[in-house]
Amino acid sequence: MGWWVELRVIAFNGSPRMEKGATDLVLDRFLDGVREAGGDVEKIYVRKMVIHGCDGCLTCWAETPGGCKFKDDMAGVLEKMREADVWVFATPIYCDTMTSYMKTLIERMLPLLAPYMEECGRRTIHPLRYPEEEGRHRMVIISVCGFPEKTHFKPLSYTFRRISTNFHAPIAAEIYIPGGPMLLSERWRKRMRRVLEAVTQAGREIATTGEVSKKTLETIRRMRIPTALYRDIINRWWRRKLSGSA
C-alpha cells in the first residue's frame, strides 16, 4: 500500500523524439519504479496529442467555466490530471527550458484555475477551480540535457517551481540528467547504471512515501561527466556526421 490508497500517476513526455529520445529512457526508468511499488501509470506523448495553443480568450473562465473553446484532446487530459495523484512532466532542454509541446500543454491547464486572485506568500495567484483538490496533486520534473553541466537545468527548475505554486501542486522531486546523448549509447549507459537505478528507486519511493529520499537524490546528483571528454566525443561525432562517415 502506497502513500495514497490507489496511487495514480500521469506522465507527460514532451520530447518531439518521443520513444526514440533519452528523455523517454529516463522517464521509463522512473515509471518502472512506480509500477513495481504498485502505482497505476499512464504515459502520454504530448506530440501525439491534438492540443491547440492557448490564445488568451479566457472563455474557460467567463463563458464556459472550466471548459476550453477548443474541442481537442486537452479536455480528456485535464480530466485525467484531476484524477491523478502525481503529475510527471518530462522534457529535454530546448533553448534553456521545456519544449514547445510541453509549454503548450501547461498553458492549456488554465481551466484548472479560477479567475479570482488570492495571496500566496508575497505573490498573487489564482485559486483552484476545484478547491476540494487542494493538496491532492504533486509534481515530478524529469529532464535530460545535451550539455554536460547541470547548470543548464536552472531555468527549467525555476519555471517549474513557479508552475508548481500557480497550480497548487508541490514538487515532490526534480530529476535532471546531463549528457543525454550518452544514454543512447549502450556502452555509456552501462557506465551510468547506478544513476539509472537510482531513478527507478525514485519512482518506488514516490509510490510508497510521496517523496524521494535524500540518499536517492544524491546518487542521481553525483553523476559527473568529464566536460572536456564529453565535448571531444560529441565534436568527433559531428565531424564524422558532417563528413558523411558517421
Protein backbone atom coordinates (compact mmCIF):
# COMPACT_ATOMS: atom_id res chain seq x y z
CA MET A 1 0.00 0.00 0.00
CA GLY A 2 1.45 3.37 -1.01
CA TRP A 3 1.08 6.83 0.45
CA TRP A 4 -2.20 7.12 -1.47
CA VAL A 5 -4.87 4.40 -1.43
CA GLU A 6 -4.64 3.83 -5.19
CA LEU A 7 -1.74 5.92 -6.42
CA ARG A 8 -2.39 7.24 -9.91
CA VAL A 9 0.41 8.74 -11.94
CA ILE A 10 0.01 10.55 -15.24
CA ALA A 11 3.28 11.20 -17.06
CA PHE A 12 3.81 13.57 -19.96
CA ASN A 13 6.74 13.13 -22.32
CA GLY A 14 7.22 16.49 -24.04
CA SER A 15 10.06 15.38 -26.30
CA PRO A 16 9.39 15.55 -30.05
CA ARG A 17 11.55 12.43 -30.36
CA MET A 18 9.11 10.56 -28.10
CA GLU A 19 10.18 6.92 -27.57
CA LYS A 20 13.42 7.44 -29.52
CA GLY A 21 14.87 10.05 -27.17
CA ALA A 22 16.88 9.94 -23.96
CA THR A 23 14.04 11.67 -22.10
CA ASP A 24 11.81 8.64 -22.62
CA LEU A 25 14.54 6.29 -21.39
CA VAL A 26 14.85 8.15 -18.08
CA LEU A 27 11.09 8.58 -17.74
CA ASP A 28 10.54 4.86 -18.26
CA ARG A 29 13.08 4.00 -15.56
CA PHE A 30 11.17 6.23 -13.13
CA LEU A 31 7.78 4.78 -14.12
CA ASP A 32 9.16 1.24 -13.76
CA GLY A 33 9.79 2.03 -10.11
CA VAL A 34 6.28 3.40 -9.64
CA ARG A 35 4.77 0.24 -11.14
CA GLU A 36 7.00 -2.02 -9.03
CA ALA A 37 5.62 -0.31 -5.93
CA GLY A 38 2.02 -0.83 -7.05
CA GLY A 39 1.26 2.53 -8.65
CA ASP A 40 -1.05 2.92 -11.64
CA VAL A 41 0.72 4.68 -14.51
CA GLU A 42 -0.35 6.30 -17.77
CA LYS A 43 2.23 7.85 -20.09
CA ILE A 44 1.26 10.38 -22.73
CA TYR A 45 3.42 11.53 -25.62
CA VAL A 46 2.38 15.16 -25.93
CA ARG A 47 3.41 15.34 -29.57
CA LYS A 48 0.80 12.70 -30.43
CA MET A 49 -1.98 14.78 -28.87
CA VAL A 50 -4.03 17.39 -30.69
CA ILE A 51 -3.62 20.41 -28.43
CA HIS A 52 -4.19 23.92 -29.74
CA GLY A 53 -2.17 26.76 -28.30
CA CYS A 54 -3.94 28.94 -25.73
CA ASP A 55 -4.96 32.25 -27.31
CA GLY A 56 -5.80 34.00 -24.05
CA CYS A 57 -9.50 34.45 -24.82
CA LEU A 58 -10.47 33.49 -21.21
CA THR A 59 -13.54 31.62 -22.46
CA CYS A 60 -12.69 28.89 -19.92
CA TRP A 61 -13.23 31.47 -17.16
CA ALA A 62 -16.04 33.67 -18.41
CA GLU A 63 -18.29 31.81 -20.86
CA THR A 64 -17.78 28.08 -20.27
CA PRO A 65 -16.20 27.90 -16.80
CA GLY A 66 -13.71 25.05 -16.67
CA GLY A 67 -14.06 24.24 -20.35
CA CYS A 68 -11.94 25.48 -23.26
CA LYS A 69 -13.44 26.62 -26.57
CA PHE A 70 -11.04 24.30 -28.41
CA LYS A 71 -12.57 20.84 -28.73
CA ASP A 72 -9.35 18.88 -28.82
CA ASP A 73 -7.53 16.27 -26.73
CA MET A 74 -6.87 18.62 -23.82
CA ALA A 75 -10.31 18.16 -22.27
CA GLY A 76 -9.58 14.49 -21.71
CA VAL A 77 -6.10 15.27 -20.44
CA LEU A 78 -7.45 17.64 -17.81
CA GLU A 79 -9.88 15.01 -16.56
CA LYS A 80 -7.04 12.53 -16.20
CA MET A 81 -4.94 15.12 -14.37
CA ARG A 82 -7.74 15.74 -11.90
CA GLU A 83 -7.95 12.02 -11.19
CA ALA A 84 -4.18 11.58 -10.81
CA ASP A 85 -2.21 12.00 -7.60
CA VAL A 86 1.13 12.67 -9.29
CA TRP A 87 1.83 14.65 -12.46
CA VAL A 88 5.18 13.81 -14.10
CA PHE A 89 6.49 16.34 -16.61
CA ALA A 90 9.42 15.00 -18.64
CA THR A 91 11.12 17.22 -21.19
CA PRO A 92 14.52 17.68 -22.76
CA ILE A 93 16.11 21.12 -22.54
CA TYR A 94 15.32 23.18 -25.63
CA CYS A 95 16.63 26.76 -25.69
CA ASP A 96 17.20 26.72 -21.92
CA THR A 97 13.78 25.41 -20.91
CA MET A 98 10.98 22.98 -21.83
CA THR A 99 9.92 22.08 -25.36
CA SER A 100 7.13 23.91 -27.15
CA TYR A 101 4.94 20.81 -26.85
CA MET A 102 5.19 20.83 -23.07
CA LYS A 103 4.69 24.58 -22.82
CA THR A 104 1.51 24.38 -24.91
CA LEU A 105 0.17 21.65 -22.63
CA ILE A 106 0.86 23.65 -19.49
CA GLU A 107 -0.72 26.82 -20.86
CA ARG A 108 -3.87 24.84 -21.62
CA MET A 109 -4.08 23.80 -17.94
CA LEU A 110 -5.65 27.21 -17.24
CA PRO A 111 -9.21 25.78 -16.83
CA LEU A 112 -8.00 24.08 -13.63
CA LEU A 113 -7.80 27.56 -12.07
CA ALA A 114 -10.50 30.09 -11.19
CA PRO A 115 -10.28 33.71 -12.39
CA TYR A 116 -10.19 35.25 -8.92
CA MET A 117 -6.99 36.29 -7.20
CA GLU A 118 -5.55 35.38 -3.84
CA GLU A 119 -2.36 35.88 -1.89
CA CYS A 120 0.27 33.17 -1.67
CA GLY A 121 3.29 34.33 0.29
CA ARG A 122 4.39 37.51 -1.42
CA ARG A 123 2.76 36.58 -4.70
CA THR A 124 -0.71 36.89 -6.15
CA ILE A 125 -2.01 33.72 -7.77
CA HIS A 126 -5.32 32.21 -8.88
CA PRO A 127 -7.17 29.70 -6.67
CA LEU A 128 -8.04 26.22 -7.84
CA ARG A 129 -11.33 25.86 -9.69
CA TYR A 130 -11.96 22.74 -7.66
CA PRO A 131 -10.93 23.69 -4.09
CA GLU A 132 -11.61 20.18 -2.83
CA GLU A 133 -8.49 19.11 -4.75
CA GLU A 134 -6.22 21.43 -2.74
CA GLY A 135 -3.22 19.35 -1.63
CA ARG A 136 -4.25 16.39 -3.79
CA HIS A 137 -1.68 16.61 -6.58
CA ARG A 138 2.11 16.53 -6.61
CA MET A 139 4.56 17.10 -9.42
CA VAL A 140 7.74 15.33 -10.51
CA ILE A 141 10.03 17.01 -13.03
CA ILE A 142 12.34 14.94 -15.23
CA SER A 143 14.70 16.47 -17.76
CA VAL A 144 17.61 15.46 -19.94
CA CYS A 145 20.12 17.92 -21.34
CA GLY A 146 22.52 17.66 -24.28
CA PHE A 147 25.25 19.56 -22.42
CA PRO A 148 27.48 18.08 -19.69
CA GLU A 149 26.88 20.73 -16.99
CA LYS A 150 23.90 20.58 -14.63
CA THR A 151 23.68 24.38 -14.52
CA HIS A 152 21.69 24.21 -17.78
CA PHE A 153 18.71 22.95 -15.79
CA LYS A 154 18.40 26.08 -13.64
CA PRO A 155 15.96 27.98 -15.91
CA LEU A 156 13.71 24.92 -16.21
CA SER A 157 13.79 24.31 -12.47
CA TYR A 158 12.85 27.92 -11.75
CA THR A 159 10.00 27.81 -14.27
CA PHE A 160 8.50 24.62 -12.86
CA ARG A 161 8.76 25.91 -9.31
CA ARG A 162 6.58 28.82 -10.37
CA ILE A 163 4.19 26.49 -12.18
CA SER A 164 4.05 24.34 -9.06
CA THR A 165 2.87 27.29 -6.98
CA ASN A 166 0.45 28.50 -9.63
CA PHE A 167 -1.28 25.11 -9.85
CA HIS A 168 -1.13 24.34 -6.10
CA ALA A 169 0.86 21.16 -6.76
CA PRO A 170 4.08 20.81 -4.71
CA ILE A 171 7.13 19.39 -6.44
CA ALA A 172 7.99 16.01 -4.94
CA ALA A 173 11.21 15.56 -6.93
CA GLU A 174 13.33 17.08 -9.68
CA ILE A 175 15.44 14.59 -11.65
CA TYR A 176 17.97 16.14 -14.03
CA ILE A 177 20.36 14.12 -16.18
CA PRO A 178 23.04 15.95 -18.23
CA GLY A 179 24.82 14.38 -21.18
CA GLY A 180 21.63 12.96 -22.66
CA PRO A 181 23.22 11.62 -25.89
CA MET A 182 25.34 9.28 -23.76
CA LEU A 183 22.18 7.48 -22.65
CA LEU A 184 21.56 6.43 -26.23
CA SER A 185 24.91 4.64 -26.31
CA GLU A 186 24.83 1.19 -24.70
CA ARG A 187 28.44 1.48 -23.58
CA TRP A 188 27.94 4.79 -21.83
CA ARG A 189 24.54 3.74 -20.48
CA LYS A 190 26.27 0.92 -18.61
CA ARG A 191 28.59 3.47 -17.01
CA MET A 192 25.53 5.42 -15.85
CA ARG A 193 23.90 2.28 -14.41
CA ARG A 194 23.88 3.49 -10.81
CA VAL A 195 22.21 6.74 -11.74
CA LEU A 196 19.51 4.98 -13.74
CA GLU A 197 18.95 2.51 -10.89
CA ALA A 198 18.50 5.50 -8.58
CA VAL A 199 15.90 6.95 -10.96
CA THR A 200 13.93 3.71 -10.68
CA GLN A 201 14.31 3.84 -6.91
CA ALA A 202 12.93 7.38 -7.00
CA GLY A 203 9.81 6.02 -8.68
CA ARG A 204 9.42 3.37 -5.98
CA GLU A 205 9.76 5.97 -3.25
CA ILE A 206 7.23 8.33 -4.82
CA ALA A 207 4.74 5.47 -4.94
CA THR A 208 5.33 4.43 -1.33
CA THR A 209 6.06 7.66 0.56
CA GLY A 210 5.13 10.51 -1.78
CA GLU A 211 8.68 11.86 -1.85
CA VAL A 212 12.21 10.89 -2.83
CA SER A 213 14.86 10.30 -0.18
CA LYS A 214 17.94 12.49 0.07
CA LYS A 215 20.10 9.42 -0.46
CA THR A 216 18.44 8.62 -3.77
CA LEU A 217 18.59 12.20 -4.99
CA GLU A 218 22.25 12.44 -4.02
CA THR A 219 23.02 9.33 -6.05
CA ILE A 220 21.42 10.94 -9.09
CA ARG A 221 23.15 14.28 -8.49
CA ARG A 222 26.57 12.69 -8.02
CA MET A 223 26.75 11.82 -11.69
CA ARG A 224 29.67 13.64 -13.25
CA ILE A 225 30.62 13.75 -16.91
CA PRO A 226 34.19 14.91 -17.68
CA THR A 227 33.38 18.10 -19.57
CA ALA A 228 36.39 18.13 -21.88
CA LEU A 229 35.97 14.44 -22.74
CA TYR A 230 32.27 14.90 -23.41
CA ARG A 231 32.85 17.84 -25.72
CA ASP A 232 35.52 15.88 -27.58
CA ILE A 233 33.23 12.86 -28.07
CA ILE A 234 30.35 14.99 -29.31
CA ASN A 235 32.57 17.07 -31.60
CA ARG A 236 34.18 13.98 -33.12
CA TRP A 237 30.72 12.52 -33.77
CA TRP A 238 29.62 15.70 -35.53
CA ARG A 239 32.79 15.82 -37.64
CA ARG A 240 32.09 12.26 -38.82
CA LYS A 241 28.44 13.11 -39.38
CA LEU A 242 29.17 16.20 -41.43
CA SER A 243 31.84 14.44 -43.43
CA GLY A 244 29.42 11.66 -44.28
CA SER A 245 31.32 8.95 -42.43
CA ALA A 246 29.11 8.72 -39.32
